[in-house]
Protein backbone atom coordinates (compact mmCIF):
# COMPACT_ATOMS: atom_id res chain seq x y z
CA ALA A 1 -18.35 -25.98 -90.18
CA ALA A 2 -15.66 -23.99 -88.25
CA ALA A 3 -16.51 -19.97 -87.25
CA ALA A 4 -13.90 -17.70 -86.07
CA ALA A 5 -15.24 -15.88 -82.29
CA ALA A 6 -14.15 -13.92 -79.65
CA ALA A 7 -12.67 -15.83 -76.77
CA PRO A 8 -14.22 -15.52 -73.64
CA ALA A 9 -12.93 -12.51 -71.38
CA ALA A 10 -11.06 -12.89 -68.55
CA GLY A 11 -13.52 -13.65 -65.86
CA GLY A 12 -16.23 -11.92 -67.65
CA LYS A 13 -13.68 -8.79 -67.12
CA GLY A 14 -11.36 -6.72 -69.66
CA LYS A 15 -11.22 -7.17 -73.33
CA ALA A 16 -11.53 -10.39 -75.26
CA ALA A 17 -8.24 -12.03 -76.15
CA ALA A 18 -7.09 -12.46 -79.72
CA ALA A 19 -10.08 -14.37 -81.93
CA VAL A 20 -9.60 -17.83 -81.85
CA ILE A 21 -11.21 -20.36 -83.80
CA GLU A 22 -14.30 -22.27 -81.89
CA ILE A 23 -15.03 -26.07 -83.16
CA GLY A 24 -18.87 -26.23 -83.71
CA ALA A 25 -21.63 -24.44 -82.96
CA VAL A 26 -21.22 -23.25 -79.29
CA ALA A 27 -20.73 -19.45 -78.49
CA ALA A 28 -18.26 -18.04 -76.20
CA GLY A 29 -20.31 -16.08 -74.46
CA ALA A 30 -22.27 -19.42 -73.50
CA ALA A 31 -19.30 -20.98 -71.47
CA VAL A 32 -19.18 -18.59 -69.09
CA ALA A 33 -22.94 -19.01 -67.74
CA ALA A 34 -22.20 -22.56 -67.60
CA ALA A 35 -20.71 -22.56 -63.96
CA ALA A 36 -23.57 -24.26 -62.42
CA PRO A 37 -23.10 -27.48 -64.85
CA ALA A 38 -18.96 -27.26 -65.02
CA VAL A 39 -19.57 -27.25 -60.82
CA GLU A 40 -21.79 -30.27 -61.45
CA ALA A 41 -19.19 -31.81 -64.03
CA ALA A 42 -16.26 -31.35 -61.95
CA ALA A 43 -17.93 -33.14 -58.98
CA SER A 44 -19.17 -36.07 -60.98
CA SER A 45 -17.01 -39.35 -60.62
CA VAL A 46 -17.77 -39.69 -64.88
CA ASP A 47 -14.67 -39.46 -66.64
CA MET A 48 -15.96 -36.19 -69.22
CA VAL A 49 -14.22 -36.97 -72.20
CA MET A 50 -16.67 -40.05 -72.27
CA THR A 51 -19.50 -37.73 -72.49
CA VAL A 52 -18.49 -34.22 -74.05
CA SER A 53 -16.76 -33.33 -77.39
CA GLY A 54 -15.23 -30.03 -78.62
CA CYS A 55 -18.60 -28.99 -79.64
CA ASN A 56 -20.12 -28.75 -75.89
CA ALA A 57 -16.92 -28.90 -73.76
CA ALA A 58 -16.82 -26.08 -72.58
CA LYS A 59 -20.21 -25.80 -72.01
CA VAL A 60 -20.83 -28.77 -70.04
CA ALA A 61 -17.46 -29.55 -68.30
CA GLY A 62 -16.54 -26.12 -68.39
CA ALA A 63 -12.98 -26.55 -70.03
CA ASN A 64 -11.51 -25.82 -72.92
CA PHE A 65 -10.24 -29.62 -74.14
CA GLN A 66 -11.32 -32.03 -76.55
CA LEU A 67 -10.64 -28.54 -78.88
CA ALA A 68 -13.42 -26.83 -78.14
CA TYR A 69 -11.31 -23.76 -78.80
CA GLY A 70 -8.67 -23.53 -81.64
CA SER A 71 -6.00 -21.83 -78.98
CA GLN A 72 -5.48 -21.35 -75.54
CA SER A 73 -8.01 -19.02 -73.50
CA PRO A 74 -7.66 -16.91 -70.84
CA VAL A 75 -7.00 -18.86 -67.78
CA THR A 76 -10.45 -17.26 -65.95
CA ALA A 77 -12.61 -17.36 -68.81
CA LEU A 78 -14.18 -20.26 -67.72
CA PRO A 79 -16.15 -20.77 -64.18
CA PRO A 80 -13.78 -22.25 -61.86
CA SER A 81 -14.09 -25.72 -59.94
CA GLU A 82 -15.83 -25.77 -56.71
CA ALA A 83 -12.80 -24.93 -55.08
CA GLY A 84 -12.79 -21.84 -56.94
CA PHE A 85 -9.73 -22.99 -58.82
CA HIS A 86 -10.06 -21.86 -62.99
CA ASP A 87 -8.11 -24.20 -65.98
CA VAL A 88 -7.54 -27.28 -62.86
CA PHE A 89 -8.35 -29.43 -66.86
CA GLY A 90 -8.05 -28.29 -69.97
CA ASN A 91 -6.69 -25.38 -71.53
CA ALA A 92 -2.78 -25.79 -71.36
CA TRP A 93 -0.96 -28.95 -69.55
CA GLU A 94 0.37 -27.96 -65.75
CA TRP A 95 3.52 -28.72 -65.07
CA ALA A 96 3.84 -30.66 -61.55
CA GLU A 97 6.60 -31.01 -59.20
CA ASP A 98 6.55 -35.12 -58.95
CA HIS A 99 8.50 -37.20 -61.24
CA PHE A 100 6.84 -39.63 -63.49
CA ALA A 101 7.17 -42.86 -61.58
CA ALA A 102 5.73 -46.45 -61.99
CA PHE A 103 2.59 -47.39 -59.44
CA PRO A 104 3.20 -50.69 -57.70
CA GLY A 105 2.71 -53.43 -59.38
CA PHE A 106 3.83 -51.95 -63.19
CA LYS A 107 4.86 -54.21 -65.63
CA VAL A 108 6.02 -53.18 -69.30
CA HIS A 109 3.28 -54.28 -72.15
CA PRO A 110 4.71 -56.17 -75.44
CA TYR A 111 3.20 -54.03 -77.87
CA TYR A 112 4.54 -50.62 -76.66
CA GLU A 113 7.59 -51.48 -74.24
CA ASP A 114 9.62 -48.27 -74.64
CA PHE A 115 7.06 -46.06 -73.79
CA SER A 116 6.60 -45.42 -70.01
CA SER A 117 9.83 -47.05 -68.43
CA PRO A 118 12.85 -44.97 -70.60
CA CYS A 119 11.01 -42.10 -68.80
CA PHE A 120 11.54 -43.48 -65.18
CA GLY A 121 14.29 -42.44 -63.44
CA GLY A 122 13.56 -38.75 -62.36
CA LEU A 123 13.92 -36.64 -64.96
CA HIS A 124 10.39 -36.45 -66.79
CA HIS A 125 7.84 -34.56 -64.72
CA MET A 126 4.15 -35.34 -64.44
CA ILE A 127 1.73 -32.96 -66.92
CA LEU A 128 -1.33 -32.93 -65.95
CA GLY A 129 -4.67 -31.62 -66.77
CA GLY A 130 -4.71 -31.51 -70.51
CA SER A 131 -4.68 -28.60 -72.92
CA PHE A 132 -7.40 -27.21 -75.46
CA MET A 133 -5.98 -29.61 -78.15
CA SER A 134 -5.94 -33.01 -76.10
CA THR A 135 -8.50 -35.86 -77.24
CA GLY A 136 -8.92 -39.09 -76.51
CA GLN A 137 -7.08 -40.89 -74.08
CA LEU A 138 -4.94 -37.61 -73.42
CA ALA A 139 -8.60 -35.86 -72.61
CA SER A 140 -9.21 -38.46 -69.86
CA LYS A 141 -9.09 -37.58 -66.06
CA PHE A 142 -7.54 -41.09 -65.50
CA ALA A 143 -4.38 -39.62 -68.02
CA ARG A 144 -0.89 -40.21 -67.39
CA TYR A 145 1.83 -37.86 -69.22
CA GLN A 146 5.46 -36.86 -68.68
CA PHE A 147 7.79 -34.55 -70.30
CA ARG A 148 11.24 -33.02 -69.26
CA PRO A 149 10.78 -29.76 -68.44
CA HIS A 150 12.43 -28.20 -71.34
CA PHE A 151 9.44 -28.62 -73.53
CA PHE A 152 7.46 -25.33 -72.98
CA GLN A 153 4.96 -25.99 -76.02
CA HIS A 154 1.12 -25.88 -74.14
CA ALA A 155 2.69 -26.29 -70.51
CA THR A 156 2.14 -23.77 -67.86
CA PHE A 157 2.48 -24.30 -63.95
CA ARG A 158 0.51 -23.60 -61.02
CA LEU A 159 2.11 -22.11 -58.04
CA VAL A 160 0.40 -23.88 -54.42
CA GLN A 161 0.49 -22.90 -51.20
CA SER A 162 -0.96 -24.34 -48.06
CA SER A 163 -3.59 -21.92 -46.97
CA SER A 164 -2.38 -22.46 -43.05
CA ALA A 165 0.13 -24.95 -41.50
CA ASP A 166 -0.59 -26.05 -37.70
CA LEU A 167 2.06 -24.34 -36.66
CA SER A 168 1.62 -26.37 -33.20
CA LEU A 169 3.45 -29.05 -34.35
CA TYR A 170 6.59 -27.33 -35.26
CA ASP A 171 9.01 -25.68 -32.65
CA VAL A 172 8.08 -22.16 -33.68
CA SER A 173 11.00 -20.47 -31.60
CA ALA A 174 13.70 -22.02 -33.98
CA ALA A 175 11.95 -20.60 -37.54
CA SER A 176 13.21 -17.15 -38.57
CA PRO A 177 13.07 -15.12 -42.33
CA GLU A 178 16.01 -17.14 -42.76
CA ALA A 179 14.80 -20.26 -41.93
CA PRO A 180 11.29 -20.10 -42.38
CA ILE A 181 8.87 -22.94 -41.67
CA LEU A 182 8.36 -25.05 -44.71
CA PRO A 183 5.65 -27.90 -44.46
CA PHE A 184 6.10 -31.33 -46.03
CA PHE A 185 4.00 -32.27 -48.60
CA GLU A 186 4.64 -36.27 -50.31
CA THR A 187 4.95 -36.58 -53.87
CA SER A 188 3.55 -39.21 -55.74
CA CYS A 189 7.21 -40.53 -57.17
CA MET A 190 8.74 -40.83 -53.73
CA ASP A 191 10.21 -44.07 -53.36
CA ALA A 192 8.50 -45.40 -56.67
CA ALA A 193 9.41 -49.43 -56.65
CA GLU A 194 13.23 -50.51 -57.87
CA PRO A 195 14.56 -50.11 -60.75
CA TYR A 196 11.90 -47.13 -61.82
CA VAL A 197 12.95 -44.29 -58.96
CA GLY A 198 15.10 -41.50 -59.44
CA ASP A 199 18.21 -40.43 -57.87
CA HIS A 200 16.65 -37.13 -57.14
CA PRO A 201 16.31 -35.49 -53.91
CA CYS A 202 12.72 -35.40 -54.11
CA CYS A 203 12.46 -39.24 -55.45
CA SER A 204 12.81 -40.15 -52.03
CA LYS A 205 11.79 -39.42 -48.60
CA ALA A 206 14.79 -38.50 -47.63
CA ARG A 207 13.83 -34.92 -49.44
CA ARG A 208 12.13 -34.58 -46.32
CA GLU A 209 15.27 -33.28 -44.80
CA ARG A 210 15.11 -30.00 -47.44
CA PHE A 211 11.64 -29.33 -45.40
CA THR A 212 11.05 -28.20 -41.74
CA PRO A 213 10.43 -31.33 -39.37
CA THR A 214 7.37 -31.38 -36.92
CA ARG A 215 8.68 -32.05 -33.28
CA ASP A 216 8.07 -35.41 -33.45
CA GLU A 217 9.48 -35.69 -36.89
CA GLU A 218 12.81 -34.36 -35.02
CA ILE A 219 12.84 -36.93 -32.14
CA GLU A 220 12.45 -39.34 -34.51
CA ARG A 221 14.99 -38.55 -37.04
CA ASN A 222 17.61 -37.55 -34.66
CA ASN A 223 16.42 -41.03 -32.72
CA ALA A 224 17.11 -42.64 -35.88
CA LYS A 225 20.97 -40.82 -36.46
CA LEU A 226 22.07 -41.62 -33.13
CA ALA A 227 20.83 -45.58 -33.48
CA ALA A 228 22.61 -45.66 -36.48
CA THR A 229 26.10 -44.05 -34.31
CA LYS A 230 25.55 -46.28 -31.43
CA GLN A 231 25.70 -49.20 -34.02
CA SER A 232 28.57 -48.49 -35.62
CA TYR A 233 30.14 -48.28 -32.62
CA GLU A 234 29.00 -51.49 -30.34
CA THR A 235 31.04 -54.03 -32.29
CA ASP A 236 34.34 -55.97 -30.80
CA ALA A 237 36.31 -55.42 -34.26
CA LEU A 238 35.84 -51.36 -33.16
CA MET A 239 36.29 -52.02 -29.55
CA GLY A 240 40.03 -53.32 -30.27
CA GLN A 241 40.67 -50.16 -32.26
CA TYR A 242 39.34 -48.19 -29.66
CA LEU A 243 41.27 -49.36 -26.82
CA SER A 244 44.68 -49.61 -28.76
CA LEU A 245 44.21 -45.86 -29.90
CA HIS A 246 43.69 -45.15 -26.31
CA PHE A 247 46.11 -47.05 -24.44
CA GLY A 248 48.49 -48.89 -26.79
CA PRO A 249 50.82 -49.66 -25.62
CA LEU A 250 52.50 -47.58 -28.37
CA GLU A 251 55.31 -50.20 -28.36
CA VAL A 252 52.91 -53.26 -29.34
CA ALA A 253 50.07 -51.64 -31.24
CA PHE A 254 52.16 -48.60 -33.32
CA ALA A 255 55.64 -50.19 -33.29
CA ASP A 256 56.35 -48.85 -37.03
CA TYR A 257 55.33 -45.86 -36.27
CA LEU A 258 57.48 -45.04 -33.33
CA ASP A 259 60.56 -43.73 -35.27
CA GLU A 260 58.16 -41.67 -38.03
CA ILE A 261 58.12 -37.77 -37.94
CA GLY A 262 55.37 -35.79 -39.38
CA ILE A 263 52.14 -36.56 -39.42
CA LEU A 264 52.74 -40.48 -38.40
CA SER A 265 54.12 -39.76 -35.11
CA ASP A 266 51.87 -36.64 -33.82
CA GLY A 267 48.75 -38.67 -34.36
CA LEU A 268 50.33 -40.98 -31.76
CA ASP A 269 48.65 -41.11 -28.37
CA PHE A 270 45.68 -38.81 -29.73
CA PRO A 271 42.99 -39.11 -26.45
CA LYS A 272 45.89 -38.69 -24.17
CA LYS A 273 47.46 -35.49 -26.18
CA CYS A 274 43.46 -34.27 -25.60
CA GLY A 275 43.55 -34.56 -22.58
CA ASP A 276 46.42 -32.57 -22.51
CA LEU A 277 45.48 -29.34 -23.94
CA VAL A 278 42.63 -29.65 -21.38
CA THR A 279 44.50 -29.54 -18.84
CA GLY A 280 47.39 -27.14 -20.54
CA TRP A 281 44.78 -24.66 -21.03
CA ALA A 282 43.64 -24.51 -17.60
CA ALA A 283 47.17 -23.85 -16.54
CA LYS A 284 47.37 -21.15 -18.91
CA THR A 285 44.04 -19.41 -18.08
CA GLY A 286 44.12 -19.86 -14.14
CA ILE A 287 40.79 -21.50 -13.79
CA PRO A 288 39.58 -23.68 -10.92
CA THR A 289 40.33 -27.31 -11.86
CA GLY A 290 37.49 -28.30 -9.95
CA ARG A 291 35.02 -30.55 -12.47
CA ALA A 292 35.90 -31.18 -15.93
CA LEU A 293 33.70 -32.95 -18.63
CA ASP A 294 34.46 -35.39 -21.49
CA LEU A 295 31.96 -35.58 -24.36
CA GLY A 296 32.83 -38.36 -26.11
CA CYS A 297 34.38 -39.91 -24.00
CA ALA A 298 34.55 -43.43 -25.70
CA VAL A 299 37.08 -45.69 -23.69
CA GLY A 300 38.24 -42.48 -21.32
CA ARG A 301 41.73 -42.31 -22.15
CA SER A 302 41.19 -38.57 -21.89
CA SER A 303 39.04 -38.38 -18.61
CA PHE A 304 41.77 -39.92 -16.91
CA GLU A 305 44.17 -37.73 -18.39
CA MET A 306 42.30 -34.72 -17.44
CA ALA A 307 42.45 -36.45 -13.99
CA ARG A 308 45.40 -36.00 -13.22
CA VAL A 309 44.67 -31.88 -12.81
CA PHE A 310 40.60 -31.97 -12.30
CA GLN A 311 39.03 -33.02 -8.78
CA GLN A 312 36.58 -34.60 -10.78
CA VAL A 313 36.15 -35.73 -14.11
CA VAL A 314 32.55 -36.94 -15.99
CA GLY A 315 32.86 -39.01 -19.26
CA ILE A 316 29.95 -39.26 -21.09
CA ASP A 317 29.38 -41.66 -24.38
CA LEU A 318 26.19 -42.92 -26.36
CA SER A 319 27.88 -46.20 -26.42
CA GLN A 320 27.05 -48.20 -23.22
CA THR A 321 29.69 -50.94 -24.26
CA PHE A 322 32.18 -48.03 -24.37
CA ILE A 323 31.27 -47.22 -20.64
CA ASP A 324 31.19 -50.27 -19.50
CA MET A 325 35.06 -50.66 -20.86
CA ALA A 326 36.18 -47.22 -19.42
CA ASN A 327 34.14 -48.51 -16.16
CA GLN A 328 36.23 -51.15 -16.23
CA VAL A 329 39.69 -49.80 -17.06
CA LYS A 330 38.79 -47.26 -13.98
CA ALA A 331 38.28 -50.43 -11.86
CA ASP A 332 40.90 -52.59 -12.59
CA GLY A 333 43.43 -50.15 -13.40
CA SER A 334 44.11 -51.97 -17.02
CA VAL A 335 41.82 -54.66 -19.24
CA ALA A 336 43.49 -57.34 -21.43
CA TYR A 337 42.26 -57.25 -25.30
CA LYS A 338 42.71 -58.95 -28.55
CA LEU A 339 45.31 -56.39 -30.99
CA LYS A 340 44.59 -57.08 -34.57
CA VAL A 341 48.00 -56.87 -36.47
CA GLU A 342 47.41 -57.66 -39.96
CA GLY A 343 44.34 -60.34 -41.28
CA ASP A 344 43.57 -63.00 -39.20
CA ILE A 345 46.00 -62.78 -36.97
CA SER A 346 45.32 -60.92 -33.47
CA ALA A 347 48.18 -60.72 -30.47
CA GLU A 348 46.69 -60.24 -26.69
CA VAL A 349 48.19 -56.97 -25.02
CA VAL A 350 46.91 -54.96 -21.96
CA ALA A 351 45.72 -51.59 -22.14
CA GLN A 352 46.53 -49.47 -18.78
CA ILE A 353 46.27 -46.09 -17.18
CA ASP A 354 49.02 -44.57 -15.21
CA PRO A 355 49.07 -46.01 -11.71
CA ALA A 356 49.94 -42.17 -10.93
CA ILE A 357 46.27 -41.11 -11.93
CA ASP A 358 43.59 -40.73 -9.20
CA ALA A 359 41.22 -43.27 -11.20
CA SER A 360 38.20 -42.80 -8.83
CA ARG A 361 38.07 -39.06 -9.77
CA CYS A 362 36.38 -40.56 -13.27
CA THR A 363 32.84 -41.11 -13.09
CA PHE A 364 31.78 -42.03 -16.65
CA LEU A 365 27.97 -42.60 -17.98
CA GLN A 366 25.90 -43.35 -21.00
CA GLY A 367 24.09 -40.52 -22.88
CA ASP A 368 23.45 -37.81 -25.69
CA ALA A 369 25.91 -35.38 -25.88
CA CYS A 370 22.79 -33.07 -27.68
CA ALA A 371 20.69 -33.94 -24.47
CA LEU A 372 22.87 -33.34 -21.32
CA PRO A 373 20.89 -35.05 -18.19
CA ALA A 374 19.43 -31.82 -16.03
CA ASP A 375 21.60 -32.48 -13.13
CA LEU A 376 24.81 -32.73 -14.61
CA GLY A 377 25.94 -29.60 -13.35
CA THR A 378 27.75 -27.10 -14.72
CA PHE A 379 31.73 -27.97 -15.31
CA ASP A 380 35.48 -25.68 -15.44
CA ALA A 381 36.30 -27.31 -18.70
CA VAL A 382 34.93 -29.88 -21.28
CA LEU A 383 36.61 -31.89 -24.10
CA ALA A 384 34.50 -32.80 -26.78
CA ALA A 385 37.18 -34.65 -29.11
CA ASN A 386 36.16 -35.87 -32.86
CA LEU A 387 32.33 -35.38 -31.92
CA LEU A 388 30.90 -32.61 -33.94
CA CYS A 389 30.22 -34.00 -36.73
CA ARG A 390 28.88 -37.60 -35.38
CA VAL A 391 25.70 -35.62 -33.31
CA PRO A 392 22.18 -35.71 -34.99
CA ASP A 393 22.50 -31.88 -34.04
CA PRO A 394 25.24 -29.97 -34.11
CA ALA A 395 24.15 -26.39 -33.20
CA VAL A 396 22.00 -28.17 -30.16
CA CYS A 397 24.80 -29.59 -29.01
CA LEU A 398 27.28 -27.00 -29.09
CA GLN A 399 25.08 -24.66 -26.91
CA GLY A 400 24.72 -27.23 -24.40
CA ILE A 401 28.11 -27.27 -24.22
CA ALA A 402 28.21 -23.73 -23.62
CA ASP A 403 25.24 -23.59 -21.03
CA ALA A 404 27.35 -26.56 -18.70
CA LEU A 405 30.68 -23.96 -18.78
CA ASN A 406 30.97 -22.10 -15.52
CA PRO A 407 31.99 -18.77 -15.98
CA GLY A 408 35.49 -18.67 -17.01
CA GLY A 409 35.60 -21.93 -18.30
CA VAL A 410 37.73 -24.03 -21.07
CA LEU A 411 36.08 -25.77 -24.66
CA VAL A 412 38.15 -27.81 -26.27
CA LEU A 413 36.61 -29.43 -29.18
CA THR A 414 38.84 -31.23 -32.09
CA SER A 415 36.89 -32.08 -35.80
CA PRO A 416 37.96 -33.24 -38.96
CA PHE A 417 34.75 -32.45 -40.01
CA THR A 418 34.46 -35.60 -41.88
CA TRP A 419 30.42 -35.32 -42.24
CA LEU A 420 28.25 -37.89 -43.19
CA GLU A 421 24.21 -37.73 -43.68
CA GLU A 422 23.68 -40.85 -42.04
CA TYR A 423 24.45 -39.69 -38.49
CA THR A 424 23.77 -35.56 -39.16
CA ALA A 425 21.20 -33.91 -41.68
CA LYS A 426 22.81 -31.90 -43.97
CA ALA A 427 20.93 -29.05 -43.03
CA LYS A 428 22.50 -29.33 -39.43
CA TRP A 429 26.17 -29.57 -40.71
CA VAL A 430 28.11 -26.21 -39.37
CA GLY A 431 29.83 -25.00 -42.89
CA GLY A 432 30.97 -27.93 -45.34
CA CYS A 433 28.64 -26.43 -47.93
CA VAL A 434 28.13 -24.14 -50.80
CA GLY A 435 25.74 -20.69 -49.51
CA GLU A 436 24.52 -17.88 -51.69
CA GLY A 437 25.94 -16.89 -55.04
CA GLY A 438 28.04 -19.87 -55.26
CA ALA A 439 30.70 -19.42 -52.39
CA ALA A 440 32.50 -22.27 -50.63
CA VAL A 441 31.23 -22.41 -46.61
CA ARG A 442 34.16 -23.75 -44.85
CA CYS A 443 33.59 -25.62 -41.53
CA GLY A 444 36.05 -23.93 -39.63
CA ASP A 445 34.92 -20.65 -40.71
CA ALA A 446 31.03 -21.13 -40.32
CA LEU A 447 32.01 -23.13 -36.57
CA LYS A 448 34.01 -19.71 -35.85
CA ALA A 449 30.68 -17.38 -36.52
CA LEU A 450 28.06 -19.78 -35.13
CA MET A 451 30.46 -19.57 -31.75
CA ALA A 452 31.21 -15.74 -32.07
CA SER A 453 27.16 -15.65 -32.06
CA HIS A 454 27.18 -17.22 -28.40
CA GLY A 455 29.45 -14.28 -27.77
CA PHE A 456 33.26 -16.08 -28.18
CA CYS A 457 36.33 -14.62 -30.12
CA VAL A 458 39.56 -16.51 -31.31
CA LEU A 459 42.61 -16.66 -29.28
CA GLU A 460 44.29 -19.40 -31.50
CA GLU A 461 43.80 -21.26 -34.57
CA GLY A 462 45.51 -24.34 -35.82
CA LYS A 463 45.59 -28.07 -37.05
CA VAL A 464 45.70 -30.59 -34.54
CA ARG A 465 46.75 -34.24 -35.90
CA THR A 466 44.59 -37.04 -35.06
CA GLY A 467 45.68 -40.94 -33.92
CA GLY A 468 45.60 -44.52 -33.91
CA PHE A 469 43.30 -45.76 -37.17
CA CYS A 470 42.33 -42.14 -38.25
CA VAL A 471 46.19 -40.73 -38.32
CA SER A 472 45.53 -39.45 -42.26
CA SER A 473 43.28 -36.74 -40.99
CA PRO A 474 44.25 -33.77 -39.77
CA ALA A 475 41.58 -31.62 -38.01
CA TRP A 476 41.27 -27.70 -37.67
CA SER A 477 41.74 -25.92 -34.46
CA VAL A 478 41.38 -23.20 -32.99
CA VAL A 479 41.86 -21.27 -29.61
CA LEU A 480 38.11 -18.82 -28.59
CA GLY A 481 37.52 -16.32 -26.09
CA HIS A 482 34.97 -14.57 -24.49
CA LEU A 483 35.09 -11.38 -22.15
CA HIS A 484 33.84 -13.12 -19.46
CA ARG A 485 34.18 -17.17 -20.45
CA SER A 486 37.60 -17.55 -21.93
CA ARG A 487 37.19 -21.05 -23.69
CA ILE A 488 39.18 -22.82 -25.85
CA LEU A 489 37.58 -24.82 -29.35
CA CYS A 490 40.28 -26.77 -30.46
CA ALA A 491 38.23 -28.16 -33.82
């Protein structure tokens, strides 16, 4: 017979909760004294649903399930687990961060084909541990059940934080109150077998981008993005596009645009115009014209143009194929290549540099813009054209550029801010995101703020038109200066 009984007090302290209905003859107080059996049961490999009922669940299993009580009980009313956690099983379902996902080898059972499969897809979260009224299979420790998060009946949650993180694995110097170290823990729904995977961030290991990478993970991640960038530039078709963009000749490669005005004409000879920006601002600021650096030099046109003024120009690019081509142009003064006209039609054309340019002033090296060689030296001017949104860590790249500039040096940087996660993790983007309160953080504003933290101030701001096959993308530009270093940033 059912009899009214007081619920056990939370942890043996304070007032007892409101009266609950106890099923069976077990006294409520007896459960509190059952710590040893409960710990032993928790450590056992036996599925308790097969050995206990509501009559003895609280005493033997130390858990409020199988209708041991007719309602939920205080969290600390029953004995804790061996690890010291209360209510790991029974009392109320606990929401998990994991979405409901298929185990490897999952197959739909013909007797109930729409039980599990409609709940795969990243919308249903796992609920764990059962509740006071869970019986039968739902009271089993092997039970897997799911609901959408807006169902609150008899469901609770548990906040868990790692007791300690191995800080030796992380770059502690990069951490701050605004960017704390957040260790990553994998969830069971990550990368579930198709087609049972959701499109939410936590359904894929790409979710790691939201957490602090260890030093090894950061290196692996950046190497993967560098490889993706390098691979995208190592094709014959792209080589032809870059040679036409850098060297034309305009009357052949872009004959249809020579009579245009506006953005189409502005985009022609873009690499030359970038080189002219550097030499022009060198003249305006009166800086020395000893050494200049061209980061992301591609096939070298901007470097050659800078060599009209600077005594030594170093061009660096991630693509060895581009560097080899730049060195070939340097050695021979010209190179023949196939220009794609339309469809399968191509024309043999010649890319060449102005004979008045002393190409011997140029040195071309394969390298990473985020990890400049220690022995590279310093420069009076740096050009980084359309580079920032194709490196894995823009902030590191900008810091390296700042360190490479001589006092009073000039930096010209252009970017259309066409961020892609395959090249740059979203957490590394400079702007292009929605900040706190829903305000848009524009790339230009974020870049100016970042450079201001390095002591820069804005001297001039505007737009530079990109050229060649990217003529439709206007690039934002700003000129920055410093009390002791006058630098130009055209982005």
